[in-house]
């Protein structure tokens, strides 16, 4: 008899995973939408309408989904300017999956200071592990770490000071 709830899933190592948060589900849909945008060039509103038709969309943080999908596409040129110095090749040469994950991560780092940078990077790494190539998560981690240093210097420095002052 299986003792896991219907909301839980089993990963590739047969470990029970806790249910995805609404924010995680939103990020997965955003990555799918950005992938679709890169491959097809369709508008954000068209892609959003299509994604909302999925039965799984009911588990999504809709506000974050809409803001991130529309924001990343609308601000692509600016986000590309932020990401490009952190890359070893042009953004358009990346796989569509890594492209989408990095674009989402950059959008959140730049436009959502209320989300801790470590959470953004960790979520991007998990998305890359799930949907990206074999070592795509390492690449995503390295790029977003560099970008976070530029975009979130105050937050990172405050964390470093806090860590040094913590009692052992």
Protein backbone atom coordinates (compact mmCIF):
# COMPACT_ATOMS: atom_id res chain seq x y z
CA UNK A 1 0.00 0.00 0.00
CA UNK A 2 1.32 3.42 -0.94
CA UNK A 3 1.38 5.79 2.03
CA UNK A 4 2.05 8.98 0.10
CA UNK A 5 -0.67 11.53 -0.41
CA UNK A 6 -1.95 12.29 -3.88
CA UNK A 7 -0.28 15.72 -3.68
CA UNK A 8 3.16 14.19 -3.14
CA UNK A 9 5.34 12.75 -5.85
CA UNK A 10 8.28 10.38 -6.01
CA UNK A 11 11.56 11.60 -7.50
CA UNK A 12 13.98 9.60 -9.63
CA UNK A 13 15.64 8.23 -6.47
CA UNK A 14 12.29 6.93 -5.10
CA UNK A 15 12.22 9.60 -2.40
CA UNK A 16 8.86 11.12 -1.58
CA UNK A 17 8.80 14.79 -2.53
CA UNK A 18 6.63 17.28 -0.69
CA UNK A 19 3.97 19.00 -2.80
CA UNK A 20 5.15 21.93 -4.91
CA UNK A 21 4.42 25.41 -3.65
CA UNK A 22 2.18 27.67 -5.71
CA UNK A 23 5.23 29.84 -6.40
CA UNK A 24 7.24 26.82 -7.65
CA UNK A 25 4.35 25.84 -9.93
CA UNK A 26 4.23 29.42 -11.23
CA UNK A 27 7.94 29.33 -12.00
CA UNK A 28 7.57 26.06 -13.89
CA UNK A 29 4.82 27.56 -16.03
CA UNK A 30 6.88 30.73 -16.57
CA UNK A 31 9.83 28.65 -17.77
CA UNK A 32 7.51 26.80 -20.13
CA UNK A 33 6.14 30.13 -21.40
CA UNK A 34 9.60 31.67 -21.89
CA UNK A 35 10.72 28.53 -23.70
CA UNK A 36 7.68 28.83 -25.97
CA UNK A 37 8.37 32.54 -26.53
CA UNK A 38 11.99 31.85 -27.52
CA UNK A 39 11.03 29.05 -29.91
CA UNK A 40 7.85 30.53 -31.45
CA UNK A 41 8.05 34.29 -30.87
CA UNK A 42 4.38 34.36 -29.82
CA UNK A 43 3.16 37.23 -27.62
CA UNK A 44 3.14 36.97 -23.84
CA UNK A 45 -0.65 37.29 -23.74
CA UNK A 46 -1.11 34.46 -26.27
CA UNK A 47 1.29 32.19 -24.37
CA UNK A 48 -0.34 33.04 -21.05
CA UNK A 49 -3.81 32.17 -22.39
CA UNK A 50 -2.51 28.82 -23.62
CA UNK A 51 -0.78 27.95 -20.36
CA UNK A 52 -3.82 28.88 -18.30
CA UNK A 53 -5.76 26.13 -20.12
CA UNK A 54 -3.65 23.42 -18.45
CA UNK A 55 -5.45 21.50 -15.69
CA UNK A 56 -2.29 21.89 -13.56
CA UNK A 57 -2.58 25.68 -13.70
CA UNK A 58 -4.96 25.60 -10.73
CA UNK A 59 -1.89 25.08 -8.49
CA UNK A 60 -0.15 28.26 -9.65
CA UNK A 61 0.50 31.57 -7.89
CA UNK A 62 -1.28 33.43 -10.70
CA UNK A 63 -0.06 36.90 -9.78
CA UNK A 64 3.60 35.86 -9.80
CA UNK A 65 3.10 33.85 -12.98
CA UNK A 66 1.60 36.78 -14.88
CA UNK A 67 4.11 39.32 -13.57
CA UNK A 68 7.11 37.12 -14.31
CA UNK A 69 6.05 35.96 -17.77
CA UNK A 70 4.98 39.38 -18.98
CA UNK A 71 7.81 41.17 -17.18
CA UNK A 72 10.57 38.93 -18.52
CA UNK A 73 9.33 39.24 -22.09
CA UNK A 74 8.60 42.97 -21.89
CA UNK A 75 11.99 43.72 -20.32
CA UNK A 76 14.01 41.20 -22.31
CA UNK A 77 16.48 43.73 -23.74
CA UNK A 78 17.32 45.16 -20.31
CA UNK A 79 17.53 41.71 -18.73
CA UNK A 80 19.79 40.54 -21.57
CA UNK A 81 22.11 43.48 -20.79
CA UNK A 82 22.28 42.30 -17.17
CA UNK A 83 22.75 38.61 -17.99
CA UNK A 84 25.17 38.84 -20.92
CA UNK A 85 28.28 39.93 -18.94
CA UNK A 86 27.80 36.84 -16.75
CA UNK A 87 27.73 34.42 -19.71
CA UNK A 88 30.51 32.74 -21.67
CA UNK A 89 28.51 33.01 -24.92
CA UNK A 90 25.56 35.00 -26.26
CA UNK A 91 22.27 34.35 -24.47
CA UNK A 92 20.57 33.33 -27.71
CA UNK A 93 23.07 30.45 -28.10
CA UNK A 94 21.97 28.76 -24.87
CA UNK A 95 19.50 25.90 -24.94
CA UNK A 96 15.91 27.15 -24.76
CA UNK A 97 15.56 25.62 -21.28
CA UNK A 98 18.63 27.32 -19.78
CA UNK A 99 17.65 30.52 -21.62
CA UNK A 100 14.18 30.45 -20.02
CA UNK A 101 15.48 29.64 -16.52
CA UNK A 102 18.15 32.35 -16.64
CA UNK A 103 15.69 34.91 -17.97
CA UNK A 104 13.26 34.12 -15.15
CA UNK A 105 16.06 34.23 -12.56
CA UNK A 106 17.32 37.55 -13.89
CA UNK A 107 13.80 38.98 -13.89
CA UNK A 108 13.28 37.99 -10.27
CA UNK A 109 16.70 39.28 -9.17
CA UNK A 110 16.13 42.65 -10.84
CA UNK A 111 12.40 43.24 -10.29
CA UNK A 112 11.56 41.32 -7.11
CA UNK A 113 13.86 42.49 -4.30
CA UNK A 114 11.35 41.12 -1.79
CA UNK A 115 12.36 37.58 -2.83
CA UNK A 116 15.69 36.60 -1.23
CA UNK A 117 18.40 36.11 -3.84
CA UNK A 118 19.26 32.67 -2.44
CA UNK A 119 15.67 31.53 -2.94
CA UNK A 120 15.73 32.73 -6.56
CA UNK A 121 19.00 30.94 -7.27
CA UNK A 122 17.93 27.74 -5.50
CA UNK A 123 14.64 27.66 -7.40
CA UNK A 124 16.47 28.19 -10.70
CA UNK A 125 18.88 25.37 -9.88
CA UNK A 126 15.99 23.02 -9.13
CA UNK A 127 14.27 23.98 -12.38
CA UNK A 128 17.50 23.32 -14.28
CA UNK A 129 17.94 19.94 -12.55
CA UNK A 130 14.40 18.98 -13.48
CA UNK A 131 14.17 20.33 -17.02
CA UNK A 132 17.68 21.20 -18.17
CA UNK A 133 20.64 19.29 -19.52
CA UNK A 134 22.92 17.09 -17.43
CA UNK A 135 25.03 19.89 -15.96
CA UNK A 136 22.72 22.78 -16.79
CA UNK A 137 22.06 23.42 -13.10
CA UNK A 138 25.76 24.14 -12.54
CA UNK A 139 25.80 26.66 -15.36
CA UNK A 140 22.59 28.33 -14.14
CA UNK A 141 24.03 28.50 -10.61
CA UNK A 142 27.27 30.13 -11.79
CA UNK A 143 25.53 32.70 -13.97
CA UNK A 144 22.94 33.69 -11.38
CA UNK A 145 25.58 33.88 -8.64
CA UNK A 146 27.48 36.43 -10.75
CA UNK A 147 24.31 38.34 -11.51
CA UNK A 148 23.24 38.35 -7.84
CA UNK A 149 26.58 39.89 -6.84
CA UNK A 150 25.83 42.78 -9.20
CA UNK A 151 22.10 43.13 -8.56
CA UNK A 152 21.90 42.28 -4.87
CA UNK A 153 25.23 43.52 -3.49
CA UNK A 154 23.59 45.21 -0.48
CA UNK A 155 21.60 42.08 0.40
CA UNK A 156 24.65 39.82 -0.01
CA UNK A 157 26.88 42.11 2.07
CA UNK A 158 24.25 42.30 4.82
CA UNK A 159 24.03 38.48 4.85
CA UNK A 160 27.83 38.21 5.05
CA UNK A 161 27.98 40.64 7.97
CA UNK A 162 25.13 38.83 9.70
CA UNK A 163 26.90 35.48 9.26
CA UNK A 164 30.18 36.83 10.67
CA UNK A 165 28.39 38.24 13.72
CA UNK A 166 26.44 35.05 14.47
CA UNK A 167 27.60 33.18 17.55
CA UNK A 168 29.06 29.77 16.88
